[in-house]
N, C-alpha and C. Protein backbone atom coordinates (compact mmCIF):
# COMPACT_ATOMS: atom_id res chain seq x y z
N MET A 1 -29.50 18.96 -7.42
CA MET A 1 -29.17 17.74 -6.73
C MET A 1 -27.66 17.65 -6.57
N SER A 2 -27.19 17.32 -5.39
CA SER A 2 -25.75 17.24 -5.16
C SER A 2 -25.22 15.87 -5.57
N PRO A 3 -23.92 15.81 -5.94
CA PRO A 3 -23.35 14.51 -6.33
C PRO A 3 -23.36 13.53 -5.15
N VAL A 4 -23.54 12.29 -5.45
CA VAL A 4 -23.57 11.26 -4.41
C VAL A 4 -22.13 10.85 -4.08
N ASN A 5 -21.81 10.82 -2.80
CA ASN A 5 -20.50 10.36 -2.37
C ASN A 5 -20.53 8.85 -2.34
N GLU A 6 -19.81 8.21 -3.26
CA GLU A 6 -19.86 6.76 -3.37
C GLU A 6 -18.91 6.05 -2.41
N SER A 7 -18.11 6.81 -1.68
CA SER A 7 -17.13 6.21 -0.78
C SER A 7 -17.80 5.69 0.48
N LEU A 8 -17.37 4.51 0.91
CA LEU A 8 -17.87 3.96 2.16
C LEU A 8 -17.00 4.38 3.33
N PHE A 9 -15.94 5.11 3.04
CA PHE A 9 -14.98 5.52 4.05
C PHE A 9 -15.14 6.99 4.38
N GLU A 10 -14.85 7.33 5.62
CA GLU A 10 -14.76 8.72 6.00
C GLU A 10 -13.29 9.07 6.03
N PHE A 11 -12.91 10.08 5.29
CA PHE A 11 -11.51 10.48 5.22
C PHE A 11 -11.27 11.67 6.13
N PRO A 12 -10.07 11.78 6.69
CA PRO A 12 -8.96 10.82 6.61
C PRO A 12 -9.22 9.58 7.44
N CYS A 13 -8.58 8.48 7.05
CA CYS A 13 -8.69 7.22 7.79
C CYS A 13 -7.42 6.38 7.58
N ASP A 14 -7.18 5.47 8.51
CA ASP A 14 -6.08 4.52 8.35
C ASP A 14 -6.59 3.39 7.48
N PHE A 15 -5.80 3.04 6.46
CA PHE A 15 -6.26 2.04 5.50
C PHE A 15 -5.14 1.03 5.24
N PRO A 16 -5.37 -0.25 5.59
CA PRO A 16 -4.34 -1.27 5.35
C PRO A 16 -4.34 -1.74 3.89
N ILE A 17 -3.17 -1.83 3.31
CA ILE A 17 -2.99 -2.34 1.95
C ILE A 17 -2.04 -3.52 2.03
N LYS A 18 -2.44 -4.65 1.48
CA LYS A 18 -1.58 -5.83 1.46
C LYS A 18 -0.85 -5.90 0.13
N VAL A 19 0.47 -6.07 0.22
CA VAL A 19 1.32 -6.10 -0.97
C VAL A 19 2.17 -7.36 -0.91
N MET A 20 2.16 -8.14 -2.00
CA MET A 20 2.96 -9.36 -2.04
C MET A 20 3.91 -9.34 -3.22
N GLY A 21 5.09 -9.89 -2.99
CA GLY A 21 6.08 -9.97 -4.05
C GLY A 21 7.14 -11.00 -3.73
N LYS A 22 8.04 -11.22 -4.68
CA LYS A 22 9.16 -12.14 -4.47
C LYS A 22 10.01 -11.64 -3.32
N ALA A 23 10.53 -12.56 -2.52
CA ALA A 23 11.40 -12.18 -1.41
C ALA A 23 12.64 -11.49 -1.98
N HIS A 24 12.92 -10.31 -1.49
CA HIS A 24 14.06 -9.51 -1.94
C HIS A 24 14.47 -8.62 -0.77
N PRO A 25 15.77 -8.46 -0.52
CA PRO A 25 16.20 -7.68 0.64
C PRO A 25 15.70 -6.23 0.65
N GLU A 26 15.38 -5.68 -0.52
CA GLU A 26 14.95 -4.29 -0.58
C GLU A 26 13.46 -4.13 -0.87
N PHE A 27 12.69 -5.22 -0.77
CA PHE A 27 11.27 -5.16 -1.12
C PHE A 27 10.52 -4.17 -0.24
N ALA A 28 10.63 -4.32 1.08
CA ALA A 28 9.89 -3.44 2.00
C ALA A 28 10.29 -1.98 1.80
N GLU A 29 11.58 -1.72 1.69
CA GLU A 29 12.08 -0.36 1.49
C GLU A 29 11.54 0.24 0.19
N THR A 30 11.49 -0.57 -0.85
CA THR A 30 10.98 -0.12 -2.14
C THR A 30 9.50 0.24 -2.06
N ILE A 31 8.73 -0.58 -1.36
CA ILE A 31 7.29 -0.32 -1.22
C ILE A 31 7.07 0.96 -0.42
N VAL A 32 7.84 1.17 0.64
CA VAL A 32 7.75 2.40 1.43
C VAL A 32 8.02 3.62 0.53
N THR A 33 9.02 3.52 -0.33
CA THR A 33 9.36 4.62 -1.25
C THR A 33 8.19 4.92 -2.19
N VAL A 34 7.54 3.88 -2.70
CA VAL A 34 6.38 4.07 -3.58
C VAL A 34 5.26 4.78 -2.83
N VAL A 35 4.95 4.31 -1.62
CA VAL A 35 3.86 4.89 -0.84
C VAL A 35 4.16 6.35 -0.50
N ARG A 36 5.41 6.66 -0.20
CA ARG A 36 5.78 8.05 0.15
C ARG A 36 5.62 9.03 -1.00
N GLN A 37 5.50 8.53 -2.23
CA GLN A 37 5.21 9.42 -3.36
C GLN A 37 3.83 10.07 -3.19
N PHE A 38 2.95 9.40 -2.44
CA PHE A 38 1.58 9.86 -2.27
C PHE A 38 1.28 10.30 -0.84
N ASP A 39 2.19 9.99 0.08
CA ASP A 39 2.06 10.39 1.48
C ASP A 39 3.47 10.58 2.03
N ALA A 40 3.98 11.80 1.92
CA ALA A 40 5.36 12.09 2.30
C ALA A 40 5.65 11.80 3.77
N SER A 41 4.63 11.80 4.60
CA SER A 41 4.84 11.57 6.04
C SER A 41 4.62 10.12 6.43
N PHE A 42 4.51 9.22 5.45
CA PHE A 42 4.27 7.80 5.76
C PHE A 42 5.36 7.27 6.68
N ASP A 43 4.93 6.60 7.74
CA ASP A 43 5.81 6.06 8.77
C ASP A 43 6.13 4.60 8.44
N ALA A 44 7.40 4.32 8.15
CA ALA A 44 7.81 2.96 7.76
C ALA A 44 7.60 1.94 8.87
N THR A 45 7.42 2.38 10.11
CA THR A 45 7.14 1.43 11.19
C THR A 45 5.72 0.88 11.09
N ARG A 46 4.91 1.42 10.18
CA ARG A 46 3.54 0.94 9.98
C ARG A 46 3.47 -0.13 8.90
N VAL A 47 4.59 -0.83 8.71
CA VAL A 47 4.65 -1.92 7.73
C VAL A 47 4.86 -3.23 8.49
N GLU A 48 3.93 -4.16 8.31
CA GLU A 48 4.08 -5.50 8.90
C GLU A 48 4.58 -6.43 7.80
N THR A 49 5.55 -7.26 8.14
CA THR A 49 6.17 -8.16 7.17
C THR A 49 5.90 -9.61 7.53
N ARG A 50 5.51 -10.41 6.51
CA ARG A 50 5.30 -11.85 6.71
C ARG A 50 5.92 -12.60 5.54
N PRO A 51 6.97 -13.38 5.80
CA PRO A 51 7.52 -14.21 4.72
C PRO A 51 6.61 -15.40 4.46
N SER A 52 6.62 -15.91 3.24
CA SER A 52 5.85 -17.11 2.93
C SER A 52 6.49 -18.31 3.61
N SER A 53 5.75 -19.39 3.69
CA SER A 53 6.28 -20.59 4.37
C SER A 53 7.53 -21.13 3.68
N GLY A 54 7.60 -21.00 2.36
CA GLY A 54 8.78 -21.47 1.64
C GLY A 54 9.89 -20.44 1.55
N GLY A 55 9.59 -19.22 1.98
CA GLY A 55 10.59 -18.16 1.97
C GLY A 55 10.82 -17.52 0.61
N ASN A 56 10.02 -17.90 -0.40
CA ASN A 56 10.20 -17.35 -1.74
C ASN A 56 9.49 -16.01 -1.94
N TYR A 57 8.46 -15.77 -1.14
CA TYR A 57 7.66 -14.55 -1.27
C TYR A 57 7.60 -13.84 0.07
N ILE A 58 7.21 -12.56 -0.01
CA ILE A 58 7.04 -11.78 1.21
C ILE A 58 5.72 -11.02 1.10
N GLY A 59 5.01 -10.96 2.19
CA GLY A 59 3.76 -10.20 2.25
C GLY A 59 3.93 -9.03 3.19
N LEU A 60 3.48 -7.87 2.76
CA LEU A 60 3.54 -6.68 3.59
C LEU A 60 2.13 -6.16 3.81
N THR A 61 1.85 -5.69 5.01
CA THR A 61 0.64 -4.93 5.25
C THR A 61 1.11 -3.51 5.54
N VAL A 62 0.75 -2.61 4.64
CA VAL A 62 1.16 -1.21 4.73
C VAL A 62 -0.08 -0.42 5.13
N THR A 63 -0.06 0.20 6.30
CA THR A 63 -1.21 0.98 6.75
C THR A 63 -0.94 2.46 6.47
N VAL A 64 -1.70 3.00 5.52
CA VAL A 64 -1.52 4.40 5.12
C VAL A 64 -2.60 5.26 5.76
N ARG A 65 -2.29 6.54 5.93
CA ARG A 65 -3.29 7.52 6.36
C ARG A 65 -3.88 8.11 5.09
N ALA A 66 -5.04 7.60 4.72
CA ALA A 66 -5.67 8.01 3.46
C ALA A 66 -6.48 9.29 3.66
N HIS A 67 -6.31 10.22 2.72
CA HIS A 67 -7.03 11.49 2.79
C HIS A 67 -8.12 11.59 1.73
N SER A 68 -8.11 10.68 0.74
CA SER A 68 -9.15 10.70 -0.29
C SER A 68 -9.15 9.37 -1.04
N ARG A 69 -10.23 9.12 -1.72
CA ARG A 69 -10.34 7.92 -2.56
C ARG A 69 -9.31 8.00 -3.70
N GLU A 70 -9.12 9.20 -4.22
CA GLU A 70 -8.16 9.39 -5.31
C GLU A 70 -6.74 9.03 -4.87
N GLN A 71 -6.40 9.41 -3.64
CA GLN A 71 -5.07 9.07 -3.12
C GLN A 71 -4.90 7.55 -3.05
N LEU A 72 -5.91 6.86 -2.53
CA LEU A 72 -5.84 5.39 -2.46
C LEU A 72 -5.73 4.78 -3.85
N ASP A 73 -6.51 5.29 -4.79
CA ASP A 73 -6.44 4.78 -6.17
C ASP A 73 -5.04 4.97 -6.75
N ASP A 74 -4.44 6.12 -6.50
CA ASP A 74 -3.09 6.41 -7.00
C ASP A 74 -2.06 5.46 -6.39
N ILE A 75 -2.20 5.20 -5.10
CA ILE A 75 -1.27 4.27 -4.43
C ILE A 75 -1.42 2.87 -5.02
N TYR A 76 -2.67 2.41 -5.18
CA TYR A 76 -2.91 1.08 -5.76
C TYR A 76 -2.33 0.98 -7.16
N ARG A 77 -2.54 2.00 -7.99
CA ARG A 77 -2.02 1.98 -9.36
C ARG A 77 -0.49 1.90 -9.36
N ALA A 78 0.15 2.70 -8.51
CA ALA A 78 1.61 2.70 -8.45
C ALA A 78 2.15 1.35 -7.97
N LEU A 79 1.49 0.76 -6.98
CA LEU A 79 1.95 -0.53 -6.46
C LEU A 79 1.73 -1.65 -7.47
N THR A 80 0.54 -1.71 -8.07
CA THR A 80 0.27 -2.80 -9.01
C THR A 80 1.14 -2.69 -10.26
N GLY A 81 1.59 -1.49 -10.59
CA GLY A 81 2.44 -1.30 -11.76
C GLY A 81 3.91 -1.50 -11.49
N HIS A 82 4.29 -1.70 -10.22
CA HIS A 82 5.71 -1.85 -9.88
C HIS A 82 6.18 -3.27 -10.22
N PRO A 83 7.37 -3.39 -10.83
CA PRO A 83 7.84 -4.72 -11.26
C PRO A 83 8.12 -5.70 -10.11
N MET A 84 8.35 -5.22 -8.90
CA MET A 84 8.62 -6.14 -7.78
C MET A 84 7.33 -6.69 -7.16
N VAL A 85 6.19 -6.09 -7.48
CA VAL A 85 4.93 -6.45 -6.84
C VAL A 85 4.19 -7.47 -7.68
N LYS A 86 3.72 -8.53 -7.01
CA LYS A 86 2.91 -9.56 -7.69
C LYS A 86 1.42 -9.34 -7.48
N VAL A 87 1.02 -8.97 -6.24
CA VAL A 87 -0.39 -8.81 -5.90
C VAL A 87 -0.56 -7.65 -4.92
N VAL A 88 -1.65 -6.89 -5.10
CA VAL A 88 -2.02 -5.84 -4.15
C VAL A 88 -3.48 -6.06 -3.78
N LEU A 89 -3.75 -6.11 -2.49
CA LEU A 89 -5.14 -6.29 -2.01
C LEU A 89 -5.50 -5.14 -1.09
């Protein structure tokens, strides 16, 4: 019997990741650097930025080209463990 593929995604695929943190001038650049550890060809123009209504927080939607579930898991772990990041969805 072959192992069951539990992924609902077909790889490679474009996968949006939402990242929120305190507003900081280098937040977006820092997040791009983290993502590039797992995807060296990540295009920084694929980052959408939304400041919070009060301007204290910033939300980013980072669309990565995912090649495996493991790659996505690694990106999520790196982002959630970063001190500038409050939430990753």
